[in-house]
Amino acid sequence: MKKYFLGCATAITLLSTGVSLSAQAAPLSNKECHTQFEAARKAGTLNGLKFKDFKAKNCENPTTSEESAAATTPAAAAAADAPAATSKPTDTATTAGVTFPTAISPKYTKESAGKARMHTCLDQYRLNKATNANGTLKWIQKGGGYYSQCVKKLKGTA
Protein backbone atom coordinates (compact mmCIF):
# COMPACT_ATOMS: atom_id res chain seq x y z
CA MET A 1 0.00 0.00 0.00
CA LYS A 2 2.86 2.35 0.84
CA LYS A 3 4.51 1.58 -2.50
CA TYR A 4 1.32 2.55 -4.34
CA PHE A 5 1.10 5.90 -2.55
CA LEU A 6 4.82 6.48 -3.01
CA GLY A 7 4.44 5.77 -6.74
CA CYS A 8 1.48 8.13 -7.02
CA ALA A 9 3.30 10.83 -5.08
CA THR A 10 6.33 10.46 -7.35
CA ALA A 11 4.19 10.66 -10.48
CA ILE A 12 2.36 13.72 -9.17
CA THR A 13 5.65 15.39 -8.30
CA LEU A 14 7.12 14.65 -11.71
CA LEU A 15 4.02 15.86 -13.54
CA SER A 16 3.71 19.02 -11.49
CA THR A 17 7.36 19.96 -12.05
CA GLY A 18 7.01 19.59 -15.80
CA VAL A 19 8.94 16.36 -16.19
CA SER A 20 6.91 14.10 -18.40
CA LEU A 21 6.88 10.37 -17.91
CA SER A 22 5.85 10.00 -21.53
CA ALA A 23 9.27 10.94 -22.88
CA GLN A 24 9.95 7.39 -24.00
CA ALA A 25 10.85 6.08 -27.43
CA ALA A 26 7.65 4.06 -27.86
CA PRO A 27 4.02 4.91 -27.09
CA LEU A 28 2.84 4.00 -23.61
CA SER A 29 0.54 1.10 -22.92
CA ASN A 30 -3.05 1.91 -22.07
CA LYS A 31 -2.48 0.93 -18.44
CA GLU A 32 0.57 3.18 -18.08
CA CYS A 33 -1.25 6.03 -19.78
CA HIS A 34 -4.26 5.64 -17.49
CA THR A 35 -1.95 5.69 -14.47
CA GLN A 36 -0.50 8.98 -15.69
CA PHE A 37 -3.99 10.31 -16.34
CA GLU A 38 -5.14 9.43 -12.82
CA ALA A 39 -2.04 11.06 -11.33
CA ALA A 40 -2.59 14.22 -13.37
CA ARG A 41 -6.27 14.25 -12.42
CA LYS A 42 -5.46 13.99 -8.74
CA ALA A 43 -2.85 16.73 -9.12
CA GLY A 44 -5.39 18.92 -10.92
CA THR A 45 -3.21 19.50 -13.99
CA LEU A 46 -5.59 18.18 -16.68
CA ASN A 47 -7.08 21.59 -17.54
CA GLY A 48 -10.35 19.95 -18.58
CA LEU A 49 -8.81 17.20 -20.74
CA LYS A 50 -10.72 13.94 -21.00
CA PHE A 51 -8.81 10.63 -21.05
CA LYS A 52 -9.09 10.30 -24.82
CA ASP A 53 -7.54 13.75 -25.36
CA PHE A 54 -4.92 13.17 -22.66
CA LYS A 55 -3.95 9.87 -24.27
CA ALA A 56 -3.62 11.43 -27.72
CA LYS A 57 -1.51 14.27 -26.37
CA ASN A 58 0.72 12.48 -23.87
CA CYS A 59 0.72 8.75 -24.56
CA GLU A 60 0.40 8.03 -28.28
CA ASN A 61 2.84 10.67 -29.51
CA PRO A 62 5.52 10.87 -26.85
CA THR A 63 7.54 14.07 -26.88
CA THR A 64 10.45 15.37 -24.91
CA SER A 65 9.72 17.37 -21.79
CA GLU A 66 10.85 20.57 -23.54
CA GLU A 67 8.41 20.04 -26.42
CA SER A 68 5.53 19.17 -24.10
CA ALA A 69 6.26 22.24 -21.97
CA ALA A 70 6.23 24.42 -25.10
CA ALA A 71 2.97 22.85 -26.23
CA THR A 72 1.27 23.70 -22.95
CA THR A 73 1.57 27.44 -23.49
CA PRO A 74 -1.67 28.99 -24.79
CA ALA A 75 -0.07 30.42 -27.94
CA ALA A 76 1.51 27.09 -28.83
CA ALA A 77 -1.74 25.26 -28.16
CA ALA A 78 -3.66 27.62 -30.45
CA ALA A 79 -1.02 27.24 -33.15
CA ALA A 80 -1.14 23.46 -32.82
CA ASP A 81 -4.94 23.41 -33.21
CA ALA A 82 -4.99 25.59 -36.33
CA PRO A 83 -3.17 23.17 -38.69
CA ALA A 84 -5.28 20.28 -37.46
CA ALA A 85 -8.46 22.13 -38.38
CA THR A 86 -7.23 23.06 -41.85
CA SER A 87 -5.82 19.62 -42.65
CA LYS A 88 -9.27 18.01 -42.46
CA PRO A 89 -9.91 16.36 -45.84
CA THR A 90 -12.68 17.88 -47.86
CA ASP A 91 -15.40 15.76 -49.38
CA THR A 92 -15.52 17.75 -52.63
CA ALA A 93 -13.34 15.18 -54.40
CA THR A 94 -15.79 12.38 -53.64
CA THR A 95 -18.89 14.46 -54.41
CA ALA A 96 -17.67 15.89 -57.72
CA GLY A 97 -20.34 15.14 -60.30
CA VAL A 98 -22.79 13.69 -57.77
CA THR A 99 -26.31 15.11 -57.88
CA PHE A 100 -28.05 15.91 -54.61
CA PRO A 101 -31.67 17.07 -54.25
CA THR A 102 -32.10 20.78 -53.56
CA ALA A 103 -35.37 20.52 -51.63
CA ILE A 104 -37.55 17.89 -49.99
CA SER A 105 -39.80 16.13 -52.46
CA PRO A 106 -43.46 17.29 -52.28
CA LYS A 107 -44.70 13.70 -51.99
CA TYR A 108 -43.01 13.41 -48.56
CA THR A 109 -44.34 16.63 -46.98
CA LYS A 110 -46.72 14.71 -44.68
CA GLU A 111 -43.85 12.74 -43.11
CA SER A 112 -41.60 13.92 -40.30
CA ALA A 113 -38.70 16.11 -41.38
CA GLY A 114 -36.11 13.35 -40.90
CA LYS A 115 -38.06 10.74 -42.84
CA ALA A 116 -38.87 13.21 -45.60
CA ARG A 117 -35.16 14.00 -46.01
CA MET A 118 -34.26 10.30 -45.97
CA HIS A 119 -36.84 9.33 -48.59
CA THR A 120 -35.96 12.30 -50.81
CA CYS A 121 -32.28 11.41 -50.64
CA LEU A 122 -33.03 7.73 -51.27
CA ASP A 123 -35.07 8.55 -54.38
CA GLN A 124 -32.24 10.69 -55.77
CA TYR A 125 -29.64 8.05 -54.85
CA ARG A 126 -31.58 5.42 -56.79
CA LEU A 127 -31.86 7.75 -59.81
CA ASN A 128 -28.12 8.42 -59.64
CA LYS A 129 -27.36 4.72 -59.25
CA ALA A 130 -29.30 3.88 -62.41
CA THR A 131 -27.16 6.33 -64.39
CA ASN A 132 -23.87 5.67 -62.53
CA ALA A 133 -23.89 9.22 -61.16
CA ASN A 134 -23.05 8.51 -57.51
CA GLY A 135 -19.32 8.68 -58.08
CA THR A 136 -17.53 6.64 -55.43
CA LEU A 137 -20.21 7.24 -52.79
CA LYS A 138 -22.14 4.40 -51.23
CA TRP A 139 -25.44 4.99 -49.42
CA ILE A 140 -23.75 4.75 -46.01
CA GLN A 141 -20.00 4.61 -45.58
CA LYS A 142 -17.34 5.59 -43.09
CA GLY A 143 -16.48 9.26 -43.35
CA GLY A 144 -19.84 10.23 -44.82
CA GLY A 145 -21.70 8.41 -47.54
CA TYR A 146 -24.35 9.72 -49.91
CA TYR A 147 -27.02 9.75 -47.21
CA SER A 148 -25.14 11.90 -44.69
CA GLN A 149 -23.94 14.37 -47.33
CA CYS A 150 -27.40 14.63 -48.86
CA VAL A 151 -29.00 15.31 -45.47
CA LYS A 152 -26.40 18.01 -44.78
CA LYS A 153 -27.25 19.70 -48.05
CA LEU A 154 -31.00 19.49 -47.41
CA LYS A 155 -30.56 20.93 -43.93
CA GLY A 156 -28.42 23.69 -45.38
CA THR A 157 -25.35 22.91 -43.27
CA ALA A 158 -23.07 21.98 -46.17
C-alpha atoms as a PDB file:
ATOM      1  CA  MET A   1       0.000   0.000   0.000  1.00  0.00           C
ATOM      2  CA  LYS A   2       2.857   2.353   0.839  1.00  0.00           C
ATOM      3  CA  LYS A   3       4.513   1.577  -2.504  1.00  0.00           C
ATOM      4  CA  TYR A   4       1.324   2.555  -4.336  1.00  0.00           C
ATOM      5  CA  PHE A   5       1.095   5.900  -2.554  1.00  0.00           C
ATOM      6  CA  LEU A   6       4.820   6.476  -3.009  1.00  0.00           C
ATOM      7  CA  GLY A   7       4.443   5.768  -6.739  1.00  0.00           C
ATOM      8  CA  CYS A   8       1.476   8.134  -7.016  1.00  0.00           C
ATOM      9  CA  ALA A   9       3.300  10.830  -5.084  1.00  0.00           C
ATOM     10  CA  THR A  10       6.332  10.456  -7.346  1.00  0.00           C
ATOM     11  CA  ALA A  11       4.189  10.656 -10.475  1.00  0.00           C
ATOM     12  CA  ILE A  12       2.364  13.718  -9.175  1.00  0.00           C
ATOM     13  CA  THR A  13       5.645  15.389  -8.296  1.00  0.00           C
ATOM     14  CA  LEU A  14       7.116  14.653 -11.715  1.00  0.00           C
ATOM     15  CA  LEU A  15       4.021  15.860 -13.538  1.00  0.00           C
ATOM     16  CA  SER A  16       3.709  19.017 -11.486  1.00  0.00           C
ATOM     17  CA  THR A  17       7.355  19.963 -12.052  1.00  0.00           C
ATOM     18  CA  GLY A  18       7.005  19.591 -15.804  1.00  0.00           C
ATOM     19  CA  VAL A  19       8.938  16.359 -16.192  1.00  0.00           C
ATOM     20  CA  SER A  20       6.905  14.104 -18.404  1.00  0.00           C
ATOM     21  CA  LEU A  21       6.882  10.371 -17.908  1.00  0.00           C
ATOM     22  CA  SER A  22       5.848   9.997 -21.525  1.00  0.00           C
ATOM     23  CA  ALA A  23       9.266  10.945 -22.885  1.00  0.00           C
ATOM     24  CA  GLN A  24       9.950   7.387 -24.002  1.00  0.00           C
ATOM     25  CA  ALA A  25      10.848   6.084 -27.435  1.00  0.00           C
ATOM     26  CA  ALA A  26       7.648   4.057 -27.858  1.00  0.00           C
ATOM     27  CA  PRO A  27       4.016   4.907 -27.089  1.00  0.00           C
ATOM     28  CA  LEU A  28       2.843   4.003 -23.607  1.00  0.00           C
ATOM     29  CA  SER A  29       0.543   1.099 -22.919  1.00  0.00           C
ATOM     30  CA  ASN A  30      -3.052   1.911 -22.071  1.00  0.00           C
ATOM     31  CA  LYS A  31      -2.482   0.930 -18.437  1.00  0.00           C
ATOM     32  CA  GLU A  32       0.575   3.181 -18.081  1.00  0.00           C
ATOM     33  CA  CYS A  33      -1.251   6.030 -19.778  1.00  0.00           C
ATOM     34  CA  HIS A  34      -4.260   5.639 -17.493  1.00  0.00           C
ATOM     35  CA  THR A  35      -1.953   5.687 -14.466  1.00  0.00           C
ATOM     36  CA  GLN A  36      -0.504   8.983 -15.690  1.00  0.00           C
ATOM     37  CA  PHE A  37      -3.992  10.311 -16.341  1.00  0.00           C
ATOM     38  CA  GLU A  38      -5.142   9.435 -12.820  1.00  0.00           C
ATOM     39  CA  ALA A  39      -2.039  11.063 -11.326  1.00  0.00           C
ATOM     40  CA  ALA A  40      -2.588  14.221 -13.373  1.00  0.00           C
ATOM     41  CA  ARG A  41      -6.274  14.250 -12.425  1.00  0.00           C
ATOM     42  CA  LYS A  42      -5.460  13.988  -8.736  1.00  0.00           C
ATOM     43  CA  ALA A  43      -2.849  16.734  -9.116  1.00  0.00           C
ATOM     44  CA  GLY A  44      -5.388  18.923 -10.919  1.00  0.00           C
ATOM     45  CA  THR A  45      -3.206  19.495 -13.987  1.00  0.00           C
ATOM     46  CA  LEU A  46      -5.586  18.185 -16.675  1.00  0.00           C
ATOM     47  CA  ASN A  47      -7.079  21.593 -17.543  1.00  0.00           C
ATOM     48  CA  GLY A  48     -10.349  19.950 -18.582  1.00  0.00           C
ATOM     49  CA  LEU A  49      -8.815  17.199 -20.737  1.00  0.00           C
ATOM     50  CA  LYS A  50     -10.719  13.944 -20.999  1.00  0.00           C
ATOM     51  CA  PHE A  51      -8.807  10.634 -21.052  1.00  0.00           C
ATOM     52  CA  LYS A  52      -9.087  10.301 -24.822  1.00  0.00           C
ATOM     53  CA  ASP A  53      -7.537  13.748 -25.362  1.00  0.00           C
ATOM     54  CA  PHE A  54      -4.916  13.170 -22.657  1.00  0.00           C
ATOM     55  CA  LYS A  55      -3.955   9.866 -24.275  1.00  0.00           C
ATOM     56  CA  ALA A  56      -3.620  11.430 -27.720  1.00  0.00           C
ATOM     57  CA  LYS A  57      -1.509  14.271 -26.368  1.00  0.00           C
ATOM     58  CA  ASN A  58       0.721  12.476 -23.873  1.00  0.00           C
ATOM     59  CA  CYS A  59       0.722   8.746 -24.559  1.00  0.00           C
ATOM     60  CA  GLU A  60       0.397   8.027 -28.284  1.00  0.00           C
ATOM     61  CA  ASN A  61       2.842  10.670 -29.507  1.00  0.00           C
ATOM     62  CA  PRO A  62       5.521  10.866 -26.850  1.00  0.00           C
ATOM     63  CA  THR A  63       7.542  14.070 -26.876  1.00  0.00           C
ATOM     64  CA  THR A  64      10.453  15.370 -24.908  1.00  0.00           C
ATOM     65  CA  SER A  65       9.722  17.368 -21.790  1.00  0.00           C
ATOM     66  CA  GLU A  66      10.847  20.567 -23.541  1.00  0.00           C
ATOM     67  CA  GLU A  67       8.411  20.038 -26.423  1.00  0.00           C
ATOM     68  CA  SER A  68       5.530  19.171 -24.095  1.00  0.00           C
ATOM     69  CA  ALA A  69       6.260  22.244 -21.969  1.00  0.00           C
ATOM     70  CA  ALA A  70       6.234  24.422 -25.095  1.00  0.00           C
ATOM     71  CA  ALA A  71       2.974  22.849 -26.227  1.00  0.00           C
ATOM     72  CA  THR A  72       1.273  23.701 -22.945  1.00  0.00           C
ATOM     73  CA  THR A  73       1.570  27.441 -23.493  1.00  0.00           C
ATOM     74  CA  PRO A  74      -1.672  28.987 -24.795  1.00  0.00           C
ATOM     75  CA  ALA A  75      -0.068  30.418 -27.942  1.00  0.00           C
ATOM     76  CA  ALA A  76       1.509  27.092 -28.831  1.00  0.00           C
ATOM     77  CA  ALA A  77      -1.739  25.262 -28.163  1.00  0.00           C
ATOM     78  CA  ALA A  78      -3.660  27.619 -30.451  1.00  0.00           C
ATOM     79  CA  ALA A  79      -1.020  27.245 -33.152  1.00  0.00           C
ATOM     80  CA  ALA A  80      -1.143  23.463 -32.821  1.00  0.00           C
ATOM     81  CA  ASP A  81      -4.935  23.409 -33.210  1.00  0.00           C
ATOM     82  CA  ALA A  82      -4.988  25.591 -36.335  1.00  0.00           C
ATOM     83  CA  PRO A  83      -3.170  23.175 -38.692  1.00  0.00           C
ATOM     84  CA  ALA A  84      -5.282  20.277 -37.460  1.00  0.00           C
ATOM     85  CA  ALA A  85      -8.458  22.128 -38.384  1.00  0.00           C
ATOM     86  CA  THR A  86      -7.225  23.056 -41.854  1.00  0.00           C
ATOM     87  CA  SER A  87      -5.818  19.618 -42.653  1.00  0.00           C
ATOM     88  CA  LYS A  88      -9.272  18.007 -42.464  1.00  0.00           C
ATOM     89  CA  PRO A  89      -9.912  16.362 -45.840  1.00  0.00           C
ATOM     90  CA  THR A  90     -12.683  17.880 -47.862  1.00  0.00           C
ATOM     91  CA  ASP A  91     -15.402  15.756 -49.382  1.00  0.00           C
ATOM     92  CA  THR A  92     -15.517  17.752 -52.629  1.00  0.00           C
ATOM     93  CA  ALA A  93     -13.338  15.179 -54.396  1.00  0.00           C
ATOM     94  CA  THR A  94     -15.792  12.377 -53.641  1.00  0.00           C
ATOM     95  CA  THR A  95     -18.889  14.461 -54.413  1.00  0.00           C
ATOM     96  CA  ALA A  96     -17.672  15.888 -57.715  1.00  0.00           C
ATOM     97  CA  GLY A  97     -20.339  15.142 -60.301  1.00  0.00           C
ATOM     98  CA  VAL A  98     -22.788  13.690 -57.767  1.00  0.00           C
ATOM     99  CA  THR A  99     -26.309  15.106 -57.881  1.00  0.00           C
ATOM    100  CA  PHE A 100     -28.053  15.915 -54.611  1.00  0.00           C
ATOM    101  CA  PRO A 101     -31.670  17.069 -54.252  1.00  0.00           C
ATOM    102  CA  THR A 102     -32.098  20.783 -53.561  1.00  0.00           C
ATOM    103  CA  ALA A 103     -35.370  20.517 -51.626  1.00  0.00           C
ATOM    104  CA  ILE A 104     -37.545  17.892 -49.989  1.00  0.00           C
ATOM    105  CA  SER A 105     -39.802  16.131 -52.455  1.00  0.00           C
ATOM    106  CA  PRO A 106     -43.456  17.290 -52.280  1.00  0.00           C
ATOM    107  CA  LYS A 107     -44.697  13.701 -51.988  1.00  0.00           C
ATOM    108  CA  TYR A 108     -43.011  13.412 -48.559  1.00  0.00           C
ATOM    109  CA  THR A 109     -44.336  16.625 -46.976  1.00  0.00           C
ATOM    110  CA  LYS A 110     -46.724  14.713 -44.681  1.00  0.00           C
ATOM    111  CA  GLU A 111     -43.854  12.741 -43.111  1.00  0.00           C
ATOM    112  CA  SER A 112     -41.604  13.921 -40.304  1.00  0.00           C
ATOM    113  CA  ALA A 113     -38.696  16.108 -41.380  1.00  0.00           C
ATOM    114  CA  GLY A 114     -36.111  13.348 -40.903  1.00  0.00           C
ATOM    115  CA  LYS A 115     -38.065  10.738 -42.838  1.00  0.00           C
ATOM    116  CA  ALA A 116     -38.868  13.211 -45.599  1.00  0.00           C
ATOM    117  CA  ARG A 117     -35.158  13.999 -46.015  1.00  0.00           C
ATOM    118  CA  MET A 118     -34.258  10.303 -45.968  1.00  0.00           C
ATOM    119  CA  HIS A 119     -36.839   9.328 -48.591  1.00  0.00           C
ATOM    120  CA  THR A 120     -35.964  12.303 -50.809  1.00  0.00           C
ATOM    121  CA  CYS A 121     -32.275  11.409 -50.640  1.00  0.00           C
ATOM    122  CA  LEU A 122     -33.029   7.735 -51.273  1.00  0.00           C
ATOM    123  CA  ASP A 123     -35.069   8.548 -54.382  1.00  0.00           C
ATOM    124  CA  GLN A 124     -32.240  10.694 -55.774  1.00  0.00           C
ATOM    125  CA  TYR A 125     -29.638   8.050 -54.846  1.00  0.00           C
ATOM    126  CA  ARG A 126     -31.581   5.424 -56.790  1.00  0.00           C
ATOM    127  CA  LEU A 127     -31.856   7.749 -59.809  1.00  0.00           C
ATOM    128  CA  ASN A 128     -28.124   8.420 -59.644  1.00  0.00           C
ATOM    129  CA  LYS A 129     -27.358   4.719 -59.255  1.00  0.00           C
ATOM    130  CA  ALA A 130     -29.299   3.881 -62.406  1.00  0.00           C
ATOM    131  CA  THR A 131     -27.163   6.331 -64.388  1.00  0.00           C
ATOM    132  CA  ASN A 132     -23.868   5.667 -62.534  1.00  0.00           C
ATOM    133  CA  ALA A 133     -23.894   9.223 -61.163  1.00  0.00           C
ATOM    134  CA  ASN A 134     -23.053   8.507 -57.513  1.00  0.00           C
ATOM    135  CA  GLY A 135     -19.321   8.682 -58.077  1.00  0.00           C
ATOM    136  CA  THR A 136     -17.532   6.639 -55.429  1.00  0.00           C
ATOM    137  CA  LEU A 137     -20.209   7.239 -52.785  1.00  0.00           C
ATOM    138  CA  LYS A 138     -22.144   4.399 -51.226  1.00  0.00           C
ATOM    139  CA  TRP A 139     -25.438   4.992 -49.418  1.00  0.00           C
ATOM    140  CA  ILE A 140     -23.755   4.753 -46.010  1.00  0.00           C
ATOM    141  CA  GLN A 141     -19.996   4.607 -45.585  1.00  0.00           C
ATOM    142  CA  LYS A 142     -17.341   5.585 -43.092  1.00  0.00           C
ATOM    143  CA  GLY A 143     -16.481   9.260 -43.354  1.00  0.00           C
ATOM    144  CA  GLY A 144     -19.844  10.225 -44.825  1.00  0.00           C
ATOM    145  CA  GLY A 145     -21.698   8.411 -47.538  1.00  0.00           C
ATOM    146  CA  TYR A 146     -24.347   9.719 -49.908  1.00  0.00           C
ATOM    147  CA  TYR A 147     -27.021   9.754 -47.206  1.00  0.00           C
ATOM    148  CA  SER A 148     -25.136  11.895 -44.690  1.00  0.00           C
ATOM    149  CA  GLN A 149     -23.940  14.368 -47.325  1.00  0.00           C
ATOM    150  CA  CYS A 150     -27.404  14.633 -48.859  1.00  0.00           C
ATOM    151  CA  VAL A 151     -28.999  15.308 -45.472  1.00  0.00           C
ATOM    152  CA  LYS A 152     -26.397  18.006 -44.776  1.00  0.00           C
ATOM    153  CA  LYS A 153     -27.251  19.704 -48.046  1.00  0.00           C
ATOM    154  CA  LEU A 154     -30.995  19.490 -47.410  1.00  0.00           C
ATOM    155  CA  LYS A 155     -30.557  20.926 -43.925  1.00  0.00           C
ATOM    156  CA  GLY A 156     -28.416  23.692 -45.383  1.00  0.00           C
ATOM    157  CA  THR A 157     -25.351  22.914 -43.274  1.00  0.00           C
ATOM    158  CA  ALA A 158     -23.070  21.978 -46.170  1.00  0.00           C
END
